[in-house]
Amino acid sequence: MLKFHSEDKDPQVKLGLQQQMAESLTRGVGFRVWNVEPNEVEYQYDKGHTLSLYLDGGQETFRCDQPHLKGQRGKLCLMPQGHFSRWCSPKPIRIAHLYLPDQFLRQEAERHLNLDARLLNLRDLVYQTDEGLSGTMLSLIQLLKNADRIEPLYAEQSLHTVTSLLLERYSDKSSATTKLRAGLSASDRLLIKSYIHRYLGEKLTLSLLSDLVGLSPFHFARLFRQSFADSPANYITRQRVELAKRLLRGQERLTDIAFTCGFYDQSHFIHHFQKMVGISPNKYRRTIRKS
């Protein structure tokens, strides 16, 4: 029995895998395409969630607790963080894995679903048919194959489409009714979020935000991180960069965009934009104008 656990230093050797391609994407997201020889595998990944897509083979592959379900080209599996499973592959398969850090997905859930980050609960999927999601995964693979000739922006957009579909279709919406004991209350979370978006162009301090909900800055920062899966400072910077992306579709000068979004100056804006997006604002503007 071959095993893959997140602490393994060389999982491809343990699994008998041949890595065909590997890419590191935005915010800790990883992507791998594997050629897998016939074997039995124990899979557990504690560093994030794994979305897999069968590219070739799999008609005789099954998860040991659900042997009646078989894989095939285009089928999707989702293994939530820490999930343990055993698989049997009598014949070779080719498979793509998208590794999604838990914090990244919780931030995306808050962004796309307006969901308290603590409420994200992904479903365990075995050989799911979803042409929209599998098609977007295939598009991402094609983009990464031609990464030397294609702007990183397109891969980022494709990744956001994948995560949006994943969250909208396969997160457990019933968890939204769960009563949460820690973190910000639902009303305080919405108040803070609305205030940040309304005043992104102004100076936002921890003291100012904490006063809005009657908390000390220390306790506010801790509760904010629980509800948004990020620190107040990082969250605000991410929202400023997202606003800048929208403004870069227009004709405003970088200096004006920087101040509109609440950055100290153009240099401060460029630094944070490039750090989060991977390319400069000017290159981002040129790329979206060509698309």
Protein backbone atom coordinates (compact mmCIF):
# COMPACT_ATOMS: atom_id res chain seq x y z
CA MET A 1 0.00 0.00 0.00
CA LEU A 2 1.54 3.31 -1.12
CA LYS A 3 0.82 6.38 0.98
CA PHE A 4 0.78 10.11 0.45
CA HIS A 5 0.53 12.37 3.50
CA SER A 6 1.29 16.07 3.57
CA GLU A 7 4.41 15.55 5.66
CA ASP A 8 5.99 13.25 3.05
CA LYS A 9 9.13 14.86 1.66
CA ASP A 10 8.92 13.12 -1.71
CA PRO A 11 5.31 12.09 -2.36
CA GLN A 12 5.83 11.50 -6.07
CA VAL A 13 8.30 8.70 -5.30
CA LYS A 14 5.98 7.15 -2.69
CA LEU A 15 3.06 7.26 -5.12
CA GLY A 16 4.95 6.05 -8.15
CA LEU A 17 4.02 9.30 -9.86
CA GLN A 18 5.69 10.99 -12.76
CA GLN A 19 5.22 14.73 -12.55
CA GLN A 20 4.39 16.06 -16.00
CA MET A 21 4.02 19.72 -15.09
CA ALA A 22 3.99 21.82 -11.95
CA GLU A 23 3.10 25.44 -11.34
CA SER A 24 2.89 27.71 -8.30
CA LEU A 25 -0.01 30.11 -8.69
CA THR A 26 -1.23 33.05 -6.65
CA ARG A 27 -1.38 33.09 -2.82
CA GLY A 28 0.07 29.64 -2.19
CA VAL A 29 -2.09 27.76 -4.70
CA GLY A 30 -0.31 24.83 -6.35
CA PHE A 31 -1.04 22.91 -9.54
CA ARG A 32 0.32 19.52 -10.68
CA VAL A 33 -0.35 17.11 -13.51
CA TRP A 34 0.62 13.52 -12.70
CA ASN A 35 1.02 10.29 -14.62
CA VAL A 36 0.11 7.57 -12.11
CA GLU A 37 1.15 3.93 -12.44
CA PRO A 38 -1.16 1.10 -11.25
CA ASN A 39 -1.19 1.05 -7.44
CA GLU A 40 -3.20 1.44 -4.25
CA VAL A 41 -2.89 4.80 -2.52
CA GLU A 42 -3.72 6.34 0.85
CA TYR A 43 -4.26 10.07 0.43
CA GLN A 44 -4.32 12.76 3.09
CA TYR A 45 -3.31 16.38 2.59
CA ASP A 46 -3.28 18.57 5.71
CA LYS A 47 -2.03 21.79 4.11
CA GLY A 48 -5.14 22.54 2.07
CA HIS A 49 -7.92 21.18 -0.13
CA THR A 50 -7.32 19.09 -3.26
CA LEU A 51 -9.44 19.36 -6.39
CA SER A 52 -8.56 16.66 -8.92
CA LEU A 53 -9.57 16.17 -12.55
CA TYR A 54 -9.10 12.91 -14.48
CA LEU A 55 -7.42 13.64 -17.80
CA ASP A 56 -6.99 10.08 -19.12
CA GLY A 57 -8.00 6.63 -17.90
CA GLY A 58 -9.67 5.85 -14.59
CA GLN A 59 -12.49 3.60 -15.82
CA GLU A 60 -11.42 0.96 -13.31
CA THR A 61 -10.20 3.34 -10.59
CA PHE A 62 -12.29 3.62 -7.42
CA ARG A 63 -12.21 4.92 -3.86
CA CYS A 64 -12.18 1.96 -1.52
CA ASP A 65 -15.18 3.08 0.55
CA GLN A 66 -17.26 3.62 -2.62
CA PRO A 67 -16.18 0.82 -5.01
CA HIS A 68 -19.35 1.12 -7.09
CA LEU A 69 -18.20 4.55 -8.39
CA LYS A 70 -15.57 4.55 -11.12
CA GLY A 71 -13.51 7.33 -12.61
CA GLN A 72 -13.13 8.42 -16.21
CA ARG A 73 -11.88 11.35 -18.26
CA GLY A 74 -13.51 14.60 -17.10
CA LYS A 75 -14.56 13.37 -13.66
CA LEU A 76 -13.80 15.55 -10.63
CA CYS A 77 -12.90 14.63 -7.05
CA LEU A 78 -12.62 16.97 -4.08
CA MET A 79 -10.69 16.02 -0.96
CA PRO A 80 -11.20 18.65 1.78
CA GLN A 81 -8.26 19.55 4.01
CA GLY A 82 -7.26 16.66 6.27
CA HIS A 83 -9.63 14.23 4.54
CA PHE A 84 -8.33 10.64 4.49
CA SER A 85 -9.14 8.23 1.66
CA ARG A 86 -7.87 5.04 0.01
CA TRP A 87 -7.85 4.56 -3.75
CA CYS A 88 -7.26 1.63 -6.10
CA SER A 89 -5.98 2.21 -9.65
CA PRO A 90 -5.55 -1.12 -11.52
CA LYS A 91 -4.41 0.72 -14.67
CA PRO A 92 -2.39 3.88 -15.38
CA ILE A 93 -4.18 7.22 -15.12
CA ARG A 94 -3.33 10.83 -15.84
CA ILE A 95 -4.69 13.30 -13.33
CA ALA A 96 -4.49 17.02 -12.49
CA HIS A 97 -4.41 18.24 -8.89
CA LEU A 98 -5.21 21.79 -7.82
CA TYR A 99 -3.98 22.40 -4.24
CA LEU A 100 -5.96 25.16 -2.52
CA PRO A 101 -4.74 26.50 0.86
CA ASP A 102 -7.51 26.69 3.44
CA GLN A 103 -6.92 30.39 4.17
CA PHE A 104 -7.07 31.23 0.45
CA LEU A 105 -10.41 29.46 0.03
CA ARG A 106 -11.88 31.04 3.15
CA GLN A 107 -10.90 34.48 1.85
CA GLU A 108 -12.47 33.65 -1.52
CA ALA A 109 -15.65 32.42 0.20
CA GLU A 110 -15.91 35.73 2.05
CA ARG A 111 -15.31 37.57 -1.21
CA HIS A 112 -17.57 35.59 -3.59
CA LEU A 113 -20.33 34.43 -1.25
CA ASN A 114 -20.18 37.21 1.37
CA LEU A 115 -19.80 34.35 3.82
CA ASP A 116 -18.17 34.54 7.23
CA ALA A 117 -14.85 32.78 6.60
CA ARG A 118 -15.43 30.42 9.51
CA LEU A 119 -18.49 28.94 7.80
CA LEU A 120 -16.72 27.50 4.77
CA ASN A 121 -17.37 23.76 4.64
CA LEU A 122 -16.51 21.99 1.38
CA ARG A 123 -18.26 18.78 0.41
CA ASP A 124 -16.34 15.57 -0.24
CA LEU A 125 -16.80 14.73 -3.95
CA VAL A 126 -16.14 11.40 -5.66
CA TYR A 127 -16.23 11.35 -9.48
CA GLN A 128 -18.47 14.37 -9.88
CA THR A 129 -19.67 15.35 -13.37
CA ASP A 130 -19.51 19.13 -13.81
CA GLU A 131 -18.74 20.27 -17.35
CA GLY A 132 -18.34 23.91 -16.34
CA LEU A 133 -15.80 23.24 -13.61
CA SER A 134 -13.89 20.53 -15.49
CA GLY A 135 -13.80 22.72 -18.62
CA THR A 136 -12.32 25.60 -16.65
CA MET A 137 -9.73 23.25 -15.14
CA LEU A 138 -8.77 22.12 -18.66
CA SER A 139 -8.45 25.75 -19.74
CA LEU A 140 -6.15 26.40 -16.78
CA ILE A 141 -3.97 23.46 -17.82
CA GLN A 142 -3.68 24.80 -21.37
CA LEU A 143 -2.75 28.24 -20.06
CA LEU A 144 -0.05 26.80 -17.81
CA LYS A 145 1.35 24.69 -20.63
CA ASN A 146 1.95 27.92 -22.53
CA ALA A 147 2.96 29.97 -19.50
CA ASP A 148 6.08 31.27 -21.24
CA ARG A 149 3.93 32.87 -23.94
CA ILE A 150 0.82 33.87 -21.96
CA GLU A 151 0.43 36.61 -19.38
CA PRO A 152 -0.02 35.35 -15.77
CA LEU A 153 -3.20 37.42 -15.62
CA TYR A 154 -5.08 34.85 -17.71
CA ALA A 155 -4.12 32.00 -15.40
CA GLU A 156 -5.20 34.11 -12.42
CA GLN A 157 -8.59 34.79 -14.03
CA SER A 158 -9.03 31.10 -14.83
CA LEU A 159 -8.16 30.17 -11.24
CA HIS A 160 -10.73 32.63 -9.88
CA THR A 161 -13.37 31.07 -12.14
CA VAL A 162 -12.49 27.62 -10.79
CA THR A 163 -12.71 28.74 -7.16
CA SER A 164 -15.95 30.65 -7.77
CA LEU A 165 -17.62 27.59 -9.30
CA LEU A 166 -16.23 25.34 -6.58
CA LEU A 167 -17.51 27.55 -3.76
CA GLU A 168 -20.91 28.26 -5.32
CA ARG A 169 -21.67 24.63 -6.12
CA TYR A 170 -19.87 22.53 -3.53
CA SER A 171 -19.72 24.47 -0.27
CA ASP A 172 -22.26 23.44 2.34
CA LYS A 173 -24.70 26.35 2.43
CA SER A 174 -26.51 24.88 5.45
CA SER A 175 -23.53 25.82 7.61
CA ALA A 176 -24.53 29.47 7.13
CA THR A 177 -27.19 28.99 9.82
CA THR A 178 -24.61 27.80 12.34
CA LYS A 179 -24.30 29.97 15.43
CA LEU A 180 -20.75 31.16 15.86
CA ARG A 181 -19.34 31.93 19.28
CA ALA A 182 -16.09 33.60 18.26
CA GLY A 183 -15.32 36.22 15.65
CA LEU A 184 -17.40 39.24 14.73
CA SER A 185 -21.18 39.06 14.80
CA ALA A 186 -22.92 38.96 11.41
CA SER A 187 -24.09 42.56 11.78
CA ASP A 188 -20.66 43.81 12.87
CA ARG A 189 -18.98 41.95 10.00
CA LEU A 190 -21.29 43.56 7.44
CA LEU A 191 -20.86 46.98 9.07
CA ILE A 192 -17.06 46.75 8.95
CA LYS A 193 -17.03 45.41 5.40
CA SER A 194 -19.36 48.15 4.14
CA TYR A 195 -17.35 50.85 5.90
CA ILE A 196 -14.04 49.61 4.45
CA HIS A 197 -15.41 49.52 0.90
CA ARG A 198 -17.02 52.94 1.28
CA TYR A 199 -13.87 54.61 2.57
CA LEU A 200 -11.10 52.67 0.79
CA GLY A 201 -9.61 55.91 -0.48
CA GLU A 202 -9.19 57.32 3.02
CA LYS A 203 -6.92 56.44 5.92
CA LEU A 204 -8.30 53.39 7.72
CA THR A 205 -6.84 52.59 11.11
CA LEU A 206 -7.33 49.73 13.53
CA SER A 207 -8.56 52.18 16.18
CA LEU A 208 -11.13 53.69 13.85
CA LEU A 209 -12.54 50.31 12.77
CA SER A 210 -12.56 48.85 16.27
CA ASP A 211 -14.43 51.90 17.59
CA LEU A 212 -17.22 51.23 15.07
CA VAL A 213 -18.09 47.98 16.87
CA GLY A 214 -17.09 48.98 20.39
CA LEU A 215 -14.05 46.74 20.75
CA SER A 216 -10.43 47.31 21.72
CA PRO A 217 -8.02 47.28 18.74
CA PHE A 218 -6.42 44.06 20.06
CA HIS A 219 -9.71 42.13 20.33
CA PHE A 220 -11.03 43.58 17.09
CA ALA A 221 -7.96 42.42 15.14
CA ARG A 222 -8.30 38.89 16.56
CA LEU A 223 -12.03 38.63 15.82
CA PHE A 224 -11.59 40.19 12.37
CA ARG A 225 -9.04 37.54 11.41
CA GLN A 226 -11.46 34.79 12.45
CA SER A 227 -14.30 36.21 10.34
CA PHE A 228 -12.30 37.28 7.28
CA ALA A 229 -9.41 34.75 7.34
CA ASP A 230 -7.01 37.68 7.12
CA SER A 231 -5.66 40.58 9.14
CA PRO A 232 -7.42 43.96 8.79
CA ALA A 233 -4.36 45.46 7.07
CA ASN A 234 -4.03 42.66 4.50
CA TYR A 235 -7.76 42.61 3.84
CA ILE A 236 -7.85 46.37 3.21
CA THR A 237 -4.84 46.15 0.88
CA ARG A 238 -6.47 43.33 -1.08
CA GLN A 239 -9.64 45.41 -1.53
CA ARG A 240 -7.59 48.41 -2.66
CA VAL A 241 -5.82 46.28 -5.25
CA GLU A 242 -9.17 44.91 -6.49
CA LEU A 243 -10.46 48.47 -6.87
CA ALA A 244 -7.27 49.41 -8.73
CA LYS A 245 -7.84 46.54 -11.17
CA ARG A 246 -11.23 47.99 -12.08
CA LEU A 247 -9.87 51.52 -12.44
CA LEU A 248 -7.00 50.35 -14.65
CA ARG A 249 -9.57 49.53 -17.32
CA GLY A 250 -10.07 53.28 -17.71
CA GLN A 251 -7.75 56.15 -18.59
CA GLU A 252 -6.78 57.47 -15.14
CA ARG A 253 -3.10 58.03 -14.42
CA LEU A 254 -1.40 55.65 -12.00
CA THR A 255 -0.86 58.49 -9.54
CA ASP A 256 -4.58 59.29 -9.47
CA ILE A 257 -5.51 55.62 -9.12
CA ALA A 258 -3.08 55.25 -6.24
CA PHE A 259 -4.71 58.06 -4.26
CA THR A 260 -8.24 57.02 -5.19
CA CYS A 261 -7.55 53.55 -3.77
CA GLY A 262 -5.96 54.84 -0.58
CA PHE A 263 -2.28 54.16 -1.23
CA TYR A 264 0.28 56.66 0.07
CA ASP A 265 1.81 57.31 -3.35
CA GLN A 266 2.39 55.69 -6.73
CA SER A 267 5.42 53.73 -5.51
CA HIS A 268 3.42 52.29 -2.59
CA PHE A 269 0.63 51.36 -5.03
CA ILE A 270 2.96 49.64 -7.52
CA HIS A 271 4.69 47.67 -4.76
CA HIS A 272 1.48 46.19 -3.34
CA PHE A 273 -0.15 45.66 -6.74
CA GLN A 274 2.83 43.73 -8.10
CA LYS A 275 3.11 41.71 -4.88
CA MET A 276 -0.54 40.60 -5.05
CA VAL A 277 -1.12 40.35 -8.80
CA GLY A 278 2.33 39.29 -9.97
CA ILE A 279 2.69 42.01 -12.61
CA SER A 280 2.95 45.80 -12.57
CA PRO A 281 -0.15 48.02 -12.93
CA ASN A 282 1.05 49.18 -16.35
CA LYS A 283 1.50 45.63 -17.57
CA TYR A 284 -1.90 44.69 -16.16
CA ARG A 285 -3.46 47.61 -18.05
CA ARG A 286 -1.78 46.62 -21.33
CA THR A 287 -2.86 43.01 -20.91
CA ILE A 288 -6.54 43.71 -20.25
CA ARG A 289 -6.66 46.11 -23.20
CA LYS A 290 -5.45 43.30 -25.50
CA SER A 291 -8.05 40.85 -24.17
